[in-house]
């Protein structure tokens, strides 16, 4: 969801369409710090140029001694590395969950997998605790869901058996009534 649409003119001027005024990169930084979602569109082509304006904003942020944006006190390279690391951890946990849910009901096996992630530096100790507990809860929920499905199938089977018995009883009664009538 976009909160603010900004038009970028060929002379690099920026126009806030909601406030109906020209703004600066500092104004965009303020919007971002307030949690607003900003989209920048080239006035002439209509093309989304948000990435280019954000790159200029980051450059200005670091040139001014990290004063424009409320972001961690990291270099742009560290920010990118941390984002990549977070994506790796997320993907690793998804893969591990898929593997574990296939065959494991053993918490110690799950703990070994999380320990390996910790040892290989994919996650820190705090993340390891969270990941281990989250994966274990997911496995327990999955097992409970499977058990509910099995029980509901058994209930259906029992109901079908009852209906078949009732059907057989009614047929027998019907046959008896037909035979008495003749």
Protein backbone atom coordinates (compact mmCIF):
# COMPACT_ATOMS: atom_id res chain seq x y z
CA UNK A 1 0.00 0.00 0.00
CA UNK A 2 1.42 3.34 -1.05
CA UNK A 3 0.81 6.29 1.27
CA UNK A 4 2.48 8.99 -0.83
CA UNK A 5 3.03 9.25 -4.57
CA UNK A 6 5.77 11.61 -5.65
CA UNK A 7 6.40 12.81 -9.18
CA UNK A 8 9.99 13.27 -10.26
CA UNK A 9 10.49 15.90 -12.93
CA UNK A 10 13.31 15.87 -15.49
CA UNK A 11 15.02 18.74 -13.62
CA UNK A 12 15.22 16.40 -10.57
CA UNK A 13 12.50 18.29 -8.71
CA UNK A 14 10.17 16.16 -6.61
CA UNK A 15 6.44 16.88 -6.26
CA UNK A 16 4.31 15.42 -3.47
CA UNK A 17 0.92 14.76 -5.12
CA UNK A 18 -0.99 14.53 -1.82
CA UNK A 19 0.44 17.73 -0.27
CA UNK A 20 0.46 19.41 -3.69
CA UNK A 21 3.91 20.93 -3.25
CA UNK A 22 7.53 20.46 -4.26
CA UNK A 23 9.65 18.60 -1.72
CA UNK A 24 13.28 17.56 -1.11
CA UNK A 25 15.04 14.31 -0.31
CA UNK A 26 15.00 15.42 3.32
CA UNK A 27 11.19 15.55 3.17
CA UNK A 28 11.11 12.00 1.77
CA UNK A 29 13.42 10.92 4.61
CA UNK A 30 10.96 12.41 7.10
CA UNK A 31 8.09 10.50 5.47
CA UNK A 32 10.05 7.24 5.63
CA UNK A 33 11.00 7.86 9.27
CA UNK A 34 7.28 8.31 9.99
CA UNK A 35 6.65 4.86 8.47
CA UNK A 36 4.98 6.03 5.29
CA UNK A 37 5.27 4.01 2.09
CA UNK A 38 6.54 6.24 -0.70
CA UNK A 39 6.44 5.67 -4.43
CA UNK A 40 8.29 7.93 -6.85
CA UNK A 41 7.12 8.05 -10.47
CA UNK A 42 8.86 9.74 -13.39
CA UNK A 43 6.52 12.54 -14.53
CA UNK A 44 7.35 12.12 -18.22
CA UNK A 45 7.40 8.31 -18.60
CA UNK A 46 5.24 7.18 -15.66
CA UNK A 47 7.99 4.69 -14.76
CA UNK A 48 8.56 3.79 -11.10
CA UNK A 49 11.90 5.38 -10.12
CA UNK A 50 11.62 4.86 -6.36
CA UNK A 51 14.80 2.77 -6.24
CA UNK A 52 16.86 5.52 -7.87
CA UNK A 53 15.54 8.20 -5.53
CA UNK A 54 16.11 5.96 -2.50
CA UNK A 55 19.70 5.38 -3.64
CA UNK A 56 20.20 9.16 -3.84
CA UNK A 57 18.61 9.51 -0.39
CA UNK A 58 20.94 6.87 1.10
CA UNK A 59 23.95 8.57 -0.47
CA UNK A 60 22.88 11.90 1.04
CA UNK A 61 22.22 10.21 4.40
CA UNK A 62 25.77 8.88 4.59
CA UNK A 63 27.32 12.10 3.24
CA UNK A 64 25.62 14.06 6.02
CA UNK A 65 26.94 11.80 8.77
CA UNK A 66 23.97 9.44 9.05
CA UNK A 67 21.49 12.12 10.05
CA UNK A 68 18.56 11.80 7.62
CA UNK A 69 17.16 8.31 8.11
CA UNK A 70 16.34 6.37 11.24
CA UNK A 71 18.20 3.22 10.24
CA UNK A 72 20.80 1.12 12.06
CA UNK A 73 24.22 2.70 12.30
CA UNK A 74 25.67 0.49 9.58
CA UNK A 75 27.30 1.05 6.26
CA UNK A 76 25.22 0.34 3.15
CA UNK A 77 27.32 -2.79 2.62
CA UNK A 78 26.52 -4.04 6.14
CA UNK A 79 22.82 -3.34 5.57
CA UNK A 80 22.84 -5.43 2.39
CA UNK A 81 24.87 -8.22 4.03
CA UNK A 82 22.45 -8.37 6.96
CA UNK A 83 19.45 -8.49 4.64
CA UNK A 84 21.04 -11.34 2.69
CA UNK A 85 21.83 -13.17 5.93
CA UNK A 86 18.22 -12.81 7.10
CA UNK A 87 16.98 -14.20 3.78
CA UNK A 88 19.42 -17.14 4.07
CA UNK A 89 18.22 -17.93 7.57
CA UNK A 90 14.58 -17.75 6.51
CA UNK A 91 15.22 -20.05 3.54
CA UNK A 92 17.29 -22.42 5.69
CA UNK A 93 14.52 -22.68 8.25
CA UNK A 94 11.94 -23.32 5.52
CA UNK A 95 14.08 -26.12 4.06
CA UNK A 96 14.77 -27.60 7.50
CA UNK A 97 11.10 -27.53 8.36
CA UNK A 98 10.22 -29.31 5.14
CA UNK A 99 12.85 -31.99 5.85
CA UNK A 100 11.97 -32.41 9.50
CA UNK A 101 8.23 -32.58 8.99
CA UNK A 102 8.67 -35.51 6.64
CA UNK A 103 10.05 -37.90 9.18
CA UNK A 104 10.92 -36.50 12.58
CA UNK A 105 8.93 -36.53 15.77
CA UNK A 106 12.10 -36.40 17.82
CA UNK A 107 12.96 -33.06 19.47
CA UNK A 108 16.62 -34.06 19.81
CA UNK A 109 16.89 -34.51 16.02
CA UNK A 110 15.40 -31.07 15.57
CA UNK A 111 17.81 -29.61 18.14
CA UNK A 112 20.77 -31.13 16.26
CA UNK A 113 19.69 -29.39 13.05
CA UNK A 114 19.33 -26.04 14.82
CA UNK A 115 22.73 -26.56 16.51
CA UNK A 116 24.31 -27.11 13.08
CA UNK A 117 22.82 -23.83 11.84
CA UNK A 118 24.23 -22.11 14.91
CA UNK A 119 27.65 -23.72 14.47
CA UNK A 120 27.80 -22.75 10.79
CA UNK A 121 27.00 -19.13 11.65
CA UNK A 122 23.62 -18.94 9.91
CA UNK A 123 21.90 -17.98 13.16
CA UNK A 124 22.94 -16.63 16.55
CA UNK A 125 22.08 -18.17 19.94
CA UNK A 126 18.93 -16.10 20.39
CA UNK A 127 17.72 -17.07 16.93
CA UNK A 128 18.57 -20.72 17.62
CA UNK A 129 16.33 -20.80 20.68
CA UNK A 130 13.51 -19.13 18.77
CA UNK A 131 13.98 -21.35 15.70
CA UNK A 132 14.08 -24.56 17.73
CA UNK A 133 10.91 -23.71 19.62
CA UNK A 134 9.10 -22.47 16.51
CA UNK A 135 9.94 -25.57 14.49
CA UNK A 136 8.97 -27.87 17.37
CA UNK A 137 5.62 -26.07 17.75
CA UNK A 138 5.00 -26.35 14.01
CA UNK A 139 5.69 -30.08 14.12
CA UNK A 140 3.37 -30.56 17.10
CA UNK A 141 0.63 -28.56 15.35
CA UNK A 142 1.09 -30.65 12.23
CA UNK A 143 0.85 -33.87 14.21
CA UNK A 144 -2.28 -32.65 15.99
CA UNK A 145 -3.86 -31.70 12.65
CA UNK A 146 -3.07 -35.13 11.20
CA UNK A 147 -4.56 -36.77 14.28
CA UNK A 148 -7.74 -34.65 13.94
CA UNK A 149 -8.06 -35.65 10.29
CA UNK A 150 -7.64 -39.33 11.12
CA UNK A 151 -10.20 -39.09 13.90
CA UNK A 152 -12.68 -37.33 11.64
CA UNK A 153 -12.19 -40.04 9.01
CA UNK A 154 -12.78 -42.69 11.66
CA UNK A 155 -15.92 -40.86 12.76
CA UNK A 156 -17.13 -40.84 9.16
CA UNK A 157 -16.40 -44.56 8.85
CA UNK A 158 -18.32 -45.28 12.06
CA UNK A 159 -21.25 -43.17 10.85
CA UNK A 160 -21.25 -45.02 7.51
CA UNK A 161 -21.28 -48.36 9.33
CA UNK A 162 -24.23 -47.23 11.44
CA UNK A 163 -26.11 -46.10 8.34
CA UNK A 164 -25.40 -49.39 6.56
CA UNK A 165 -26.70 -51.37 9.55
CA UNK A 166 -29.81 -49.16 9.70
CA UNK A 167 -30.30 -49.61 5.95
CA UNK A 168 -30.00 -53.40 6.27
CA UNK A 169 -32.47 -53.42 9.18
CA UNK A 170 -34.97 -51.31 7.22
CA UNK A 171 -34.65 -53.59 4.15
CA UNK A 172 -35.24 -56.61 6.33
CA UNK A 173 -38.35 -54.95 7.83
CA UNK A 174 -39.56 -54.03 4.36
CA UNK A 175 -39.12 -57.64 3.18
CA UNK A 176 -41.00 -58.90 6.22
CA UNK A 177 -43.85 -56.46 5.56
CA UNK A 178 -44.00 -57.52 1.89
CA UNK A 179 -44.07 -61.18 2.83
CA UNK A 180 -46.87 -60.64 5.42
CA UNK A 181 -48.87 -58.70 2.83
CA UNK A 182 -48.73 -61.55 0.31
